[in-house]
């Protein structure tokens, strides 16, 4: 079983978990908590595993940074055994709308149709997907202040420019920052300042 960002403590029938990350530091921290996991420092587009060696692949909010999704999905198909499955969650287009309201320009995420097309493009004559099921779900998270909200997006590979039309301009002035703080407070609910993600939940079965 191949995993990115998933806790398998509740799984009783797992023989081996291979934990994949591109950062050595993350894997070092993981092995301290999950000594039985096999760490693999690798890119999703080139896993370095034997063909047909994995039963299932799980990835939680780790693939939106991937530059070449068709290549990653082709690699998933290569390492999966026949009838093996991918279970993925990916940040999709339409996410972080509140940041745009606050005057930030957010990097573009893939649409559901683009994600499906990436799966279709990853197929070859000999390797196909039996099924590809994609469901889009809107999820809101809440923060005490704007600073913690902006800091949180780094964890899912999101980023933004300080100025929509010229990202090379200097950082926000103190006055500009205060204006955004005040604007963010107009969005505040009883739970805090909201940030909305559109998450694509994908289940794909290898042929």
C-alpha atoms as a PDB file:
ATOM      1  CA  UNK A   1       0.000   0.000   0.000  1.00  0.00           C
ATOM      2  CA  UNK A   2       1.330   3.393  -1.044  1.00  0.00           C
ATOM      3  CA  UNK A   3       0.371   6.456   0.964  1.00  0.00           C
ATOM      4  CA  UNK A   4       0.702  10.232   1.068  1.00  0.00           C
ATOM      5  CA  UNK A   5      -0.666  11.823   4.235  1.00  0.00           C
ATOM      6  CA  UNK A   6      -2.934   9.050   5.541  1.00  0.00           C
ATOM      7  CA  UNK A   7      -3.116   7.398   8.975  1.00  0.00           C
ATOM      8  CA  UNK A   8      -3.726   3.656   8.665  1.00  0.00           C
ATOM      9  CA  UNK A   9      -4.159   2.983  12.373  1.00  0.00           C
ATOM     10  CA  UNK A  10      -7.745   1.844  11.801  1.00  0.00           C
ATOM     11  CA  UNK A  11      -6.772  -0.589   9.032  1.00  0.00           C
ATOM     12  CA  UNK A  12      -6.292  -4.135  10.332  1.00  0.00           C
ATOM     13  CA  UNK A  13      -5.467  -5.941   7.090  1.00  0.00           C
ATOM     14  CA  UNK A  14      -2.495  -3.897   5.858  1.00  0.00           C
ATOM     15  CA  UNK A  15       0.771  -5.781   5.496  1.00  0.00           C
ATOM     16  CA  UNK A  16       3.087  -2.978   4.390  1.00  0.00           C
ATOM     17  CA  UNK A  17       2.734   0.790   4.063  1.00  0.00           C
ATOM     18  CA  UNK A  18       5.106   2.775   1.856  1.00  0.00           C
ATOM     19  CA  UNK A  19       4.987   6.441   2.862  1.00  0.00           C
ATOM     20  CA  UNK A  20       5.967   8.807   0.038  1.00  0.00           C
ATOM     21  CA  UNK A  21       7.094  12.413   0.301  1.00  0.00           C
ATOM     22  CA  UNK A  22       9.473  14.687  -1.594  1.00  0.00           C
ATOM     23  CA  UNK A  23      10.927  16.069   1.659  1.00  0.00           C
ATOM     24  CA  UNK A  24      13.437  14.093   3.741  1.00  0.00           C
ATOM     25  CA  UNK A  25      12.436  16.029   6.864  1.00  0.00           C
ATOM     26  CA  UNK A  26       8.805  14.958   6.624  1.00  0.00           C
ATOM     27  CA  UNK A  27       9.812  11.328   6.243  1.00  0.00           C
ATOM     28  CA  UNK A  28      12.182  11.535   9.213  1.00  0.00           C
ATOM     29  CA  UNK A  29       9.342  12.859  11.374  1.00  0.00           C
ATOM     30  CA  UNK A  30       7.007  10.154  10.078  1.00  0.00           C
ATOM     31  CA  UNK A  31       9.361   7.261  10.877  1.00  0.00           C
ATOM     32  CA  UNK A  32       9.604   8.479  14.464  1.00  0.00           C
ATOM     33  CA  UNK A  33       5.838   8.096  14.845  1.00  0.00           C
ATOM     34  CA  UNK A  34       5.215   5.126  12.529  1.00  0.00           C
ATOM     35  CA  UNK A  35       8.271   2.914  12.798  1.00  0.00           C
ATOM     36  CA  UNK A  36       6.681   0.128  10.754  1.00  0.00           C
ATOM     37  CA  UNK A  37       6.153   2.337   7.692  1.00  0.00           C
ATOM     38  CA  UNK A  38       8.665   2.210   4.840  1.00  0.00           C
ATOM     39  CA  UNK A  39       9.680   5.786   3.893  1.00  0.00           C
ATOM     40  CA  UNK A  40      10.270   6.633   0.249  1.00  0.00           C
ATOM     41  CA  UNK A  41      11.631  10.034  -0.777  1.00  0.00           C
ATOM     42  CA  UNK A  42      10.235  10.353  -4.253  1.00  0.00           C
ATOM     43  CA  UNK A  43       8.118  12.339  -6.687  1.00  0.00           C
ATOM     44  CA  UNK A  44       4.637  11.150  -7.644  1.00  0.00           C
ATOM     45  CA  UNK A  45       5.696  11.333 -11.285  1.00  0.00           C
ATOM     46  CA  UNK A  46       8.544   8.863 -10.744  1.00  0.00           C
ATOM     47  CA  UNK A  47       8.025   6.563  -7.783  1.00  0.00           C
ATOM     48  CA  UNK A  48      10.897   4.158  -8.306  1.00  0.00           C
ATOM     49  CA  UNK A  49       8.822   1.095  -7.398  1.00  0.00           C
ATOM     50  CA  UNK A  50       8.474  -2.200  -9.242  1.00  0.00           C
ATOM     51  CA  UNK A  51       5.566  -2.569 -11.694  1.00  0.00           C
ATOM     52  CA  UNK A  52       2.398  -4.141 -10.264  1.00  0.00           C
ATOM     53  CA  UNK A  53       3.781  -4.051  -6.711  1.00  0.00           C
ATOM     54  CA  UNK A  54       1.083  -2.014  -4.901  1.00  0.00           C
ATOM     55  CA  UNK A  55      -2.501  -2.904  -3.972  1.00  0.00           C
ATOM     56  CA  UNK A  56      -3.793   0.586  -3.156  1.00  0.00           C
ATOM     57  CA  UNK A  57      -2.675   4.198  -3.360  1.00  0.00           C
ATOM     58  CA  UNK A  58      -3.934   6.888  -0.988  1.00  0.00           C
ATOM     59  CA  UNK A  59      -3.072  10.572  -1.326  1.00  0.00           C
ATOM     60  CA  UNK A  60      -4.602  13.360   0.745  1.00  0.00           C
ATOM     61  CA  UNK A  61      -4.219  16.937  -0.510  1.00  0.00           C
ATOM     62  CA  UNK A  62      -0.746  16.285  -1.922  1.00  0.00           C
ATOM     63  CA  UNK A  63      -1.173  16.246  -5.687  1.00  0.00           C
ATOM     64  CA  UNK A  64      -2.396  19.769  -6.479  1.00  0.00           C
ATOM     65  CA  UNK A  65       1.266  20.840  -6.704  1.00  0.00           C
ATOM     66  CA  UNK A  66       2.024  18.154  -9.303  1.00  0.00           C
ATOM     67  CA  UNK A  67       3.078  19.764 -12.582  1.00  0.00           C
ATOM     68  CA  UNK A  68       2.277  16.778 -14.794  1.00  0.00           C
ATOM     69  CA  UNK A  69      -0.742  14.923 -13.435  1.00  0.00           C
ATOM     70  CA  UNK A  70      -1.115  12.571 -16.449  1.00  0.00           C
ATOM     71  CA  UNK A  71       2.461  11.416 -15.815  1.00  0.00           C
ATOM     72  CA  UNK A  72       1.712  10.865 -12.114  1.00  0.00           C
ATOM     73  CA  UNK A  73      -1.466   8.903 -12.888  1.00  0.00           C
ATOM     74  CA  UNK A  74       0.438   6.846 -15.465  1.00  0.00           C
ATOM     75  CA  UNK A  75       2.987   6.060 -12.766  1.00  0.00           C
ATOM     76  CA  UNK A  76       0.208   5.078 -10.358  1.00  0.00           C
ATOM     77  CA  UNK A  77      -1.172   2.725 -12.951  1.00  0.00           C
ATOM     78  CA  UNK A  78       2.268   1.235 -13.533  1.00  0.00           C
ATOM     79  CA  UNK A  79       2.876   0.357  -9.871  1.00  0.00           C
ATOM     80  CA  UNK A  80      -0.685  -0.808  -9.118  1.00  0.00           C
ATOM     81  CA  UNK A  81      -1.607  -4.459  -9.407  1.00  0.00           C
ATOM     82  CA  UNK A  82      -4.554  -5.401 -11.651  1.00  0.00           C
ATOM     83  CA  UNK A  83      -7.791  -4.231  -9.957  1.00  0.00           C
ATOM     84  CA  UNK A  84      -5.755  -2.022  -7.633  1.00  0.00           C
ATOM     85  CA  UNK A  85      -7.295   1.308  -6.641  1.00  0.00           C
ATOM     86  CA  UNK A  86      -6.340   4.952  -6.166  1.00  0.00           C
ATOM     87  CA  UNK A  87      -8.101   6.955  -3.455  1.00  0.00           C
ATOM     88  CA  UNK A  88      -7.152  10.602  -3.832  1.00  0.00           C
ATOM     89  CA  UNK A  89      -8.263  13.988  -2.533  1.00  0.00           C
ATOM     90  CA  UNK A  90      -7.071  17.009  -4.514  1.00  0.00           C
ATOM     91  CA  UNK A  91      -7.713  20.733  -4.093  1.00  0.00           C
ATOM     92  CA  UNK A  92      -9.725  21.781  -7.153  1.00  0.00           C
ATOM     93  CA  UNK A  93     -10.700  24.893  -9.078  1.00  0.00           C
ATOM     94  CA  UNK A  94     -12.885  27.357  -7.179  1.00  0.00           C
ATOM     95  CA  UNK A  95     -11.028  26.962  -3.882  1.00  0.00           C
ATOM     96  CA  UNK A  96      -9.971  29.842  -1.615  1.00  0.00           C
ATOM     97  CA  UNK A  97     -12.593  32.256  -2.945  1.00  0.00           C
ATOM     98  CA  UNK A  98     -12.327  34.326   0.248  1.00  0.00           C
ATOM     99  CA  UNK A  99      -8.714  35.206  -0.587  1.00  0.00           C
ATOM    100  CA  UNK A 100      -9.847  36.751  -3.856  1.00  0.00           C
ATOM    101  CA  UNK A 101     -12.451  38.760  -1.917  1.00  0.00           C
ATOM    102  CA  UNK A 102      -9.593  40.044   0.250  1.00  0.00           C
ATOM    103  CA  UNK A 103      -7.653  41.204  -2.799  1.00  0.00           C
ATOM    104  CA  UNK A 104      -5.195  38.337  -3.130  1.00  0.00           C
ATOM    105  CA  UNK A 105      -4.570  36.563  -6.425  1.00  0.00           C
ATOM    106  CA  UNK A 106      -4.650  32.789  -5.864  1.00  0.00           C
ATOM    107  CA  UNK A 107      -2.831  30.272  -8.047  1.00  0.00           C
ATOM    108  CA  UNK A 108      -5.112  28.265 -10.314  1.00  0.00           C
ATOM    109  CA  UNK A 109      -6.102  24.699  -9.422  1.00  0.00           C
ATOM    110  CA  UNK A 110      -7.262  21.985 -11.825  1.00  0.00           C
ATOM    111  CA  UNK A 111     -10.954  21.641 -12.618  1.00  0.00           C
ATOM    112  CA  UNK A 112     -12.771  18.322 -12.228  1.00  0.00           C
ATOM    113  CA  UNK A 113     -12.828  17.926 -16.006  1.00  0.00           C
ATOM    114  CA  UNK A 114      -9.062  18.522 -16.172  1.00  0.00           C
ATOM    115  CA  UNK A 115      -8.497  15.905 -13.467  1.00  0.00           C
ATOM    116  CA  UNK A 116     -10.592  13.376 -15.365  1.00  0.00           C
ATOM    117  CA  UNK A 117      -8.783  14.205 -18.583  1.00  0.00           C
ATOM    118  CA  UNK A 118      -5.462  13.627 -16.817  1.00  0.00           C
ATOM    119  CA  UNK A 119      -6.624  10.111 -15.934  1.00  0.00           C
ATOM    120  CA  UNK A 120      -7.788   9.474 -19.477  1.00  0.00           C
ATOM    121  CA  UNK A 121      -4.479  10.719 -20.882  1.00  0.00           C
ATOM    122  CA  UNK A 122      -2.543   8.379 -18.595  1.00  0.00           C
ATOM    123  CA  UNK A 123      -3.990   5.279 -20.260  1.00  0.00           C
ATOM    124  CA  UNK A 124      -2.118   3.144 -22.757  1.00  0.00           C
ATOM    125  CA  UNK A 125      -3.221   0.329 -25.027  1.00  0.00           C
ATOM    126  CA  UNK A 126      -2.237  -2.233 -22.417  1.00  0.00           C
ATOM    127  CA  UNK A 127      -3.028  -0.296 -19.245  1.00  0.00           C
ATOM    128  CA  UNK A 128      -6.445   1.249 -18.678  1.00  0.00           C
ATOM    129  CA  UNK A 129      -8.640   2.383 -15.807  1.00  0.00           C
ATOM    130  CA  UNK A 130     -11.724   0.250 -15.218  1.00  0.00           C
ATOM    131  CA  UNK A 131     -13.512   3.132 -13.532  1.00  0.00           C
ATOM    132  CA  UNK A 132     -12.862   6.741 -12.568  1.00  0.00           C
ATOM    133  CA  UNK A 133     -15.227   8.273 -10.022  1.00  0.00           C
ATOM    134  CA  UNK A 134     -14.748  11.956  -9.104  1.00  0.00           C
ATOM    135  CA  UNK A 135     -16.926  13.803  -6.602  1.00  0.00           C
ATOM    136  CA  UNK A 136     -16.515  17.480  -5.750  1.00  0.00           C
ATOM    137  CA  UNK A 137     -17.224  18.591  -2.188  1.00  0.00           C
ATOM    138  CA  UNK A 138     -17.124  22.079  -0.685  1.00  0.00           C
ATOM    139  CA  UNK A 139     -15.359  22.173   2.691  1.00  0.00           C
ATOM    140  CA  UNK A 140     -14.980  25.215   4.952  1.00  0.00           C
ATOM    141  CA  UNK A 141     -12.310  25.675   7.591  1.00  0.00           C
ATOM    142  CA  UNK A 142     -12.169  28.552  10.078  1.00  0.00           C
ATOM    143  CA  UNK A 143      -9.396  30.697  11.544  1.00  0.00           C
ATOM    144  CA  UNK A 144      -9.006  33.139  14.399  1.00  0.00           C
ATOM    145  CA  UNK A 145      -7.230  35.738  12.277  1.00  0.00           C
ATOM    146  CA  UNK A 146      -6.002  36.505   8.760  1.00  0.00           C
ATOM    147  CA  UNK A 147      -2.370  35.659   9.519  1.00  0.00           C
ATOM    148  CA  UNK A 148      -3.163  32.077  10.568  1.00  0.00           C
ATOM    149  CA  UNK A 149      -5.482  31.705   7.562  1.00  0.00           C
ATOM    150  CA  UNK A 150      -2.729  32.699   5.119  1.00  0.00           C
ATOM    151  CA  UNK A 151      -0.186  30.486   6.851  1.00  0.00           C
ATOM    152  CA  UNK A 152      -2.475  27.455   6.571  1.00  0.00           C
ATOM    153  CA  UNK A 153      -2.560  27.365   2.775  1.00  0.00           C
ATOM    154  CA  UNK A 154       1.112  26.382   2.591  1.00  0.00           C
ATOM    155  CA  UNK A 155       0.148  22.955   3.877  1.00  0.00           C
ATOM    156  CA  UNK A 156      -1.796  22.143   0.715  1.00  0.00           C
ATOM    157  CA  UNK A 157       0.635  23.618  -1.760  1.00  0.00           C
ATOM    158  CA  UNK A 158      -1.416  26.754  -2.358  1.00  0.00           C
ATOM    159  CA  UNK A 159       0.123  30.162  -2.855  1.00  0.00           C
ATOM    160  CA  UNK A 160      -0.892  33.687  -3.712  1.00  0.00           C
ATOM    161  CA  UNK A 161       0.617  36.911  -5.003  1.00  0.00           C
ATOM    162  CA  UNK A 162       0.505  40.069  -2.947  1.00  0.00           C
ATOM    163  CA  UNK A 163      -0.622  42.069  -5.990  1.00  0.00           C
ATOM    164  CA  UNK A 164      -2.811  40.591  -8.665  1.00  0.00           C
ATOM    165  CA  UNK A 165      -1.396  42.565 -11.583  1.00  0.00           C
ATOM    166  CA  UNK A 166       2.239  42.787 -10.494  1.00  0.00           C
ATOM    167  CA  UNK A 167       3.412  40.070  -8.071  1.00  0.00           C
ATOM    168  CA  UNK A 168       6.950  41.494  -8.172  1.00  0.00           C
ATOM    169  CA  UNK A 169       5.967  44.637  -6.301  1.00  0.00           C
ATOM    170  CA  UNK A 170       7.027  44.967  -2.633  1.00  0.00           C
ATOM    171  CA  UNK A 171       5.124  43.245   0.160  1.00  0.00           C
ATOM    172  CA  UNK A 172       2.047  44.895   1.607  1.00  0.00           C
ATOM    173  CA  UNK A 173       2.574  48.065   3.561  1.00  0.00           C
ATOM    174  CA  UNK A 174       1.385  48.209   7.150  1.00  0.00           C
ATOM    175  CA  UNK A 175      -1.668  50.202   6.053  1.00  0.00           C
ATOM    176  CA  UNK A 176      -2.523  47.762   3.246  1.00  0.00           C
ATOM    177  CA  UNK A 177      -2.181  44.822   5.626  1.00  0.00           C
ATOM    178  CA  UNK A 178      -4.447  46.499   8.174  1.00  0.00           C
ATOM    179  CA  UNK A 179      -7.050  47.116   5.467  1.00  0.00           C
ATOM    180  CA  UNK A 180      -7.056  43.409   4.629  1.00  0.00           C
ATOM    181  CA  UNK A 181      -7.308  42.475   8.303  1.00  0.00           C
ATOM    182  CA  UNK A 182     -10.348  44.736   8.668  1.00  0.00           C
ATOM    183  CA  UNK A 183     -11.893  43.322   5.496  1.00  0.00           C
ATOM    184  CA  UNK A 184     -11.291  39.746   6.674  1.00  0.00           C
ATOM    185  CA  UNK A 185     -13.172  40.516   9.886  1.00  0.00           C
ATOM    186  CA  UNK A 186     -16.256  41.411   7.840  1.00  0.00           C
ATOM    187  CA  UNK A 187     -16.262  37.762   6.714  1.00  0.00           C
ATOM    188  CA  UNK A 188     -16.067  36.456  10.284  1.00  0.00           C
ATOM    189  CA  UNK A 189     -18.730  34.050  11.547  1.00  0.00           C
ATOM    190  CA  UNK A 190     -19.299  32.544  14.973  1.00  0.00           C
ATOM    191  CA  UNK A 191     -16.758  29.862  14.043  1.00  0.00           C
ATOM    192  CA  UNK A 192     -14.112  32.309  12.820  1.00  0.00           C
ATOM    193  CA  UNK A 193     -12.914  33.624   9.454  1.00  0.00           C
ATOM    194  CA  UNK A 194     -13.911  31.067   6.803  1.00  0.00           C
ATOM    195  CA  UNK A 195     -11.807  29.648   3.996  1.00  0.00           C
ATOM    196  CA  UNK A 196     -13.556  27.448   1.446  1.00  0.00           C
ATOM    197  CA  UNK A 197     -11.946  24.554  -0.392  1.00  0.00           C
ATOM    198  CA  UNK A 198     -13.377  22.658  -3.329  1.00  0.00           C
ATOM    199  CA  UNK A 199     -12.026  19.136  -2.840  1.00  0.00           C
ATOM    200  CA  UNK A 200     -12.124  16.517  -5.579  1.00  0.00           C
ATOM    201  CA  UNK A 201     -12.452  13.030  -4.075  1.00  0.00           C
ATOM    202  CA  UNK A 202     -11.292  10.457  -6.595  1.00  0.00           C
ATOM    203  CA  UNK A 203     -11.585   6.697  -6.717  1.00  0.00           C
ATOM    204  CA  UNK A 204      -9.974   5.071  -9.745  1.00  0.00           C
ATOM    205  CA  UNK A 205      -9.661   1.325 -10.353  1.00  0.00           C
ATOM    206  CA  UNK A 206      -6.937  -0.101 -12.537  1.00  0.00           C
ATOM    207  CA  UNK A 207      -7.825  -2.493 -15.318  1.00  0.00           C
END
